[in-house]
C-alpha atoms as a PDB file:
ATOM      1  CA  UNK A   1     -37.044  65.437  36.269  1.00  0.00           C
ATOM      2  CA  UNK A   2     -40.429  66.848  35.364  1.00  0.00           C
ATOM      3  CA  UNK A   3     -40.611  70.389  33.968  1.00  0.00           C
ATOM      4  CA  UNK A   4     -42.968  71.466  36.766  1.00  0.00           C
ATOM      5  CA  UNK A   5     -40.485  70.276  39.386  1.00  0.00           C
ATOM      6  CA  UNK A   6     -37.698  72.226  37.684  1.00  0.00           C
ATOM      7  CA  UNK A   7     -39.786  75.405  37.622  1.00  0.00           C
ATOM      8  CA  UNK A   8     -40.766  74.994  41.289  1.00  0.00           C
ATOM      9  CA  UNK A   9     -37.128  74.394  42.245  1.00  0.00           C
ATOM     10  CA  UNK A  10     -36.024  77.523  40.368  1.00  0.00           C
ATOM     11  CA  UNK A  11     -38.723  79.642  42.011  1.00  0.00           C
ATOM     12  CA  UNK A  12     -37.790  78.359  45.477  1.00  0.00           C
ATOM     13  CA  UNK A  13     -34.095  79.022  44.784  1.00  0.00           C
ATOM     14  CA  UNK A  14     -34.849  82.561  43.558  1.00  0.00           C
ATOM     15  CA  UNK A  15     -36.949  83.395  46.625  1.00  0.00           C
ATOM     16  CA  UNK A  16     -34.261  81.980  48.922  1.00  0.00           C
ATOM     17  CA  UNK A  17     -31.630  84.057  47.134  1.00  0.00           C
ATOM     18  CA  UNK A  18     -33.614  87.255  47.599  1.00  0.00           C
ATOM     19  CA  UNK A  19     -34.169  86.458  51.287  1.00  0.00           C
ATOM     20  CA  UNK A  20     -30.457  85.802  51.852  1.00  0.00           C
ATOM     21  CA  UNK A  21     -29.546  89.044  50.063  1.00  0.00           C
ATOM     22  CA  UNK A  22     -32.026  91.021  52.174  1.00  0.00           C
ATOM     23  CA  UNK A  23     -30.705  89.432  55.384  1.00  0.00           C
ATOM     24  CA  UNK A  24     -27.053  89.991  54.432  1.00  0.00           C
ATOM     25  CA  UNK A  25     -27.692  93.622  53.541  1.00  0.00           C
ATOM     26  CA  UNK A  26     -29.694  94.249  56.694  1.00  0.00           C
ATOM     27  CA  UNK A  27     -33.088  94.190  55.020  1.00  0.00           C
ATOM     28  CA  UNK A  28     -35.272  97.243  54.732  1.00  0.00           C
ATOM     29  CA  UNK A  29     -37.259  99.413  57.114  1.00  0.00           C
ATOM     30  CA  UNK A  30     -40.835  99.488  55.768  1.00  0.00           C
ATOM     31  CA  UNK A  31     -42.956 101.964  57.686  1.00  0.00           C
ATOM     32  CA  UNK A  32     -40.291 102.485  60.335  1.00  0.00           C
ATOM     33  CA  UNK A  33     -37.619 105.031  61.130  1.00  0.00           C
ATOM     34  CA  UNK A  34     -34.056 104.041  60.369  1.00  0.00           C
ATOM     35  CA  UNK A  35     -31.248 105.246  62.612  1.00  0.00           C
ATOM     36  CA  UNK A  36     -27.784 104.626  61.181  1.00  0.00           C
ATOM     37  CA  UNK A  37     -26.061 105.445  64.485  1.00  0.00           C
ATOM     38  CA  UNK A  38     -26.660 106.291  68.120  1.00  0.00           C
ATOM     39  CA  UNK A  39     -25.984 109.937  67.248  1.00  0.00           C
ATOM     40  CA  UNK A  40     -28.734 109.914  64.601  1.00  0.00           C
ATOM     41  CA  UNK A  41     -31.114 108.512  67.202  1.00  0.00           C
ATOM     42  CA  UNK A  42     -30.323 111.230  69.753  1.00  0.00           C
ATOM     43  CA  UNK A  43     -30.607 113.894  67.035  1.00  0.00           C
ATOM     44  CA  UNK A  44     -34.233 112.769  66.596  1.00  0.00           C
ATOM     45  CA  UNK A  45     -35.003 113.923  70.142  1.00  0.00           C
ATOM     46  CA  UNK A  46     -34.681 110.639  72.020  1.00  0.00           C
ATOM     47  CA  UNK A  47     -32.498 110.436  75.109  1.00  0.00           C
ATOM     48  CA  UNK A  48     -28.959 109.098  74.832  1.00  0.00           C
ATOM     49  CA  UNK A  49     -29.838 106.360  77.345  1.00  0.00           C
ATOM     50  CA  UNK A  50     -32.804 105.176  75.263  1.00  0.00           C
ATOM     51  CA  UNK A  51     -30.758 105.224  72.059  1.00  0.00           C
ATOM     52  CA  UNK A  52     -27.930 103.244  73.700  1.00  0.00           C
ATOM     53  CA  UNK A  53     -30.465 100.706  74.969  1.00  0.00           C
ATOM     54  CA  UNK A  54     -32.057 100.294  71.536  1.00  0.00           C
ATOM     55  CA  UNK A  55     -28.658  99.867  69.860  1.00  0.00           C
ATOM     56  CA  UNK A  56     -27.661  97.328  72.538  1.00  0.00           C
ATOM     57  CA  UNK A  57     -30.869  95.422  71.797  1.00  0.00           C
ATOM     58  CA  UNK A  58     -29.993  95.422  68.087  1.00  0.00           C
ATOM     59  CA  UNK A  59     -26.522  94.017  68.924  1.00  0.00           C
ATOM     60  CA  UNK A  60     -28.111  91.305  71.083  1.00  0.00           C
ATOM     61  CA  UNK A  61     -30.584  90.370  68.352  1.00  0.00           C
ATOM     62  CA  UNK A  62     -27.760  89.864  65.855  1.00  0.00           C
ATOM     63  CA  UNK A  63     -25.742  87.855  68.395  1.00  0.00           C
ATOM     64  CA  UNK A  64     -28.741  85.518  68.803  1.00  0.00           C
ATOM     65  CA  UNK A  65     -29.911  85.221  65.212  1.00  0.00           C
ATOM     66  CA  UNK A  66     -27.563  86.979  62.794  1.00  0.00           C
ATOM     67  CA  UNK A  67     -25.548  85.307  60.051  1.00  0.00           C
ATOM     68  CA  UNK A  68     -22.772  83.228  61.635  1.00  0.00           C
ATOM     69  CA  UNK A  69     -19.195  83.024  60.341  1.00  0.00           C
ATOM     70  CA  UNK A  70     -16.658  80.468  61.545  1.00  0.00           C
ATOM     71  CA  UNK A  71     -13.966  83.002  62.453  1.00  0.00           C
ATOM     72  CA  UNK A  72     -13.827  86.701  63.295  1.00  0.00           C
ATOM     73  CA  UNK A  73     -11.714  87.268  60.173  1.00  0.00           C
ATOM     74  CA  UNK A  74     -14.384  85.699  57.916  1.00  0.00           C
ATOM     75  CA  UNK A  75     -16.995  87.936  59.516  1.00  0.00           C
ATOM     76  CA  UNK A  76     -14.832  91.058  59.214  1.00  0.00           C
ATOM     77  CA  UNK A  77     -14.201  90.309  55.542  1.00  0.00           C
ATOM     78  CA  UNK A  78     -17.903  91.083  55.016  1.00  0.00           C
ATOM     79  CA  UNK A  79     -18.854  93.395  57.891  1.00  0.00           C
ATOM     80  CA  UNK A  80     -17.310  96.383  59.650  1.00  0.00           C
ATOM     81  CA  UNK A  81     -17.441  95.021  63.197  1.00  0.00           C
ATOM     82  CA  UNK A  82     -18.245  91.581  64.556  1.00  0.00           C
ATOM     83  CA  UNK A  83     -19.173  89.940  67.852  1.00  0.00           C
ATOM     84  CA  UNK A  84     -19.371  86.398  69.186  1.00  0.00           C
ATOM     85  CA  UNK A  85     -22.560  84.573  68.318  1.00  0.00           C
ATOM     86  CA  UNK A  86     -24.771  83.386  71.170  1.00  0.00           C
ATOM     87  CA  UNK A  87     -26.660  80.806  69.102  1.00  0.00           C
ATOM     88  CA  UNK A  88     -23.795  78.961  67.397  1.00  0.00           C
ATOM     89  CA  UNK A  89     -20.023  78.777  67.501  1.00  0.00           C
ATOM     90  CA  UNK A  90     -18.637  81.665  65.497  1.00  0.00           C
ATOM     91  CA  UNK A  91     -19.105  85.375  64.932  1.00  0.00           C
ATOM     92  CA  UNK A  92     -21.962  87.618  63.772  1.00  0.00           C
ATOM     93  CA  UNK A  93     -21.933  91.246  62.625  1.00  0.00           C
ATOM     94  CA  UNK A  94     -22.551  94.006  65.172  1.00  0.00           C
ATOM     95  CA  UNK A  95     -25.380  96.386  64.455  1.00  0.00           C
ATOM     96  CA  UNK A  96     -24.377  99.632  62.791  1.00  0.00           C
ATOM     97  CA  UNK A  97     -27.805 101.060  63.535  1.00  0.00           C
ATOM     98  CA  UNK A  98     -31.410  99.968  63.802  1.00  0.00           C
ATOM     99  CA  UNK A  99     -34.863 100.359  62.358  1.00  0.00           C
ATOM    100  CA  UNK A 100     -37.527 101.415  64.841  1.00  0.00           C
ATOM    101  CA  UNK A 101     -40.939 100.055  63.889  1.00  0.00           C
ATOM    102  CA  UNK A 102     -43.758 101.915  65.592  1.00  0.00           C
ATOM    103  CA  UNK A 103     -46.013  99.783  67.801  1.00  0.00           C
ATOM    104  CA  UNK A 104     -47.522  99.060  70.066  1.00  0.00           C
ATOM    105  CA  UNK A 105     -45.168  97.611  70.974  1.00  0.00           C
ATOM    106  CA  UNK A 106     -42.216  99.304  69.299  1.00  0.00           C
ATOM    107  CA  UNK A 107     -39.964  96.811  67.550  1.00  0.00           C
ATOM    108  CA  UNK A 108     -36.306  97.101  66.737  1.00  0.00           C
ATOM    109  CA  UNK A 109     -34.723  95.573  63.652  1.00  0.00           C
ATOM    110  CA  UNK A 110     -30.918  95.570  63.590  1.00  0.00           C
ATOM    111  CA  UNK A 111     -29.140  97.241  60.669  1.00  0.00           C
ATOM    112  CA  UNK A 112     -25.766  96.069  59.476  1.00  0.00           C
ATOM    113  CA  UNK A 113     -23.888  96.317  56.270  1.00  0.00           C
ATOM    114  CA  UNK A 114     -20.664  95.641  54.519  1.00  0.00           C
END
């Protein structure tokens, strides 16, 4: 194998590793406001209904595109709570909170952790 190919492969592997780590840890919230719970959201002055809706959207986003584990037990070994995946057979973590990115339009990024 050529040295250039080895270097390119190592760089690609390193970038992929960082991306997987960021996804598994829930990423970050650059320029947004992070709410670790529904209660934290309501404490910021938003209505309970709006906070529930935003958290429900975060749950739905993870169900559609979160990391998928074959069984609930495998998921719960890494995450506090899990839900059935909508995109593949298995289970994904449930959101423990969300990041609210100011818009327009406002965007929600689910937060989940170990």
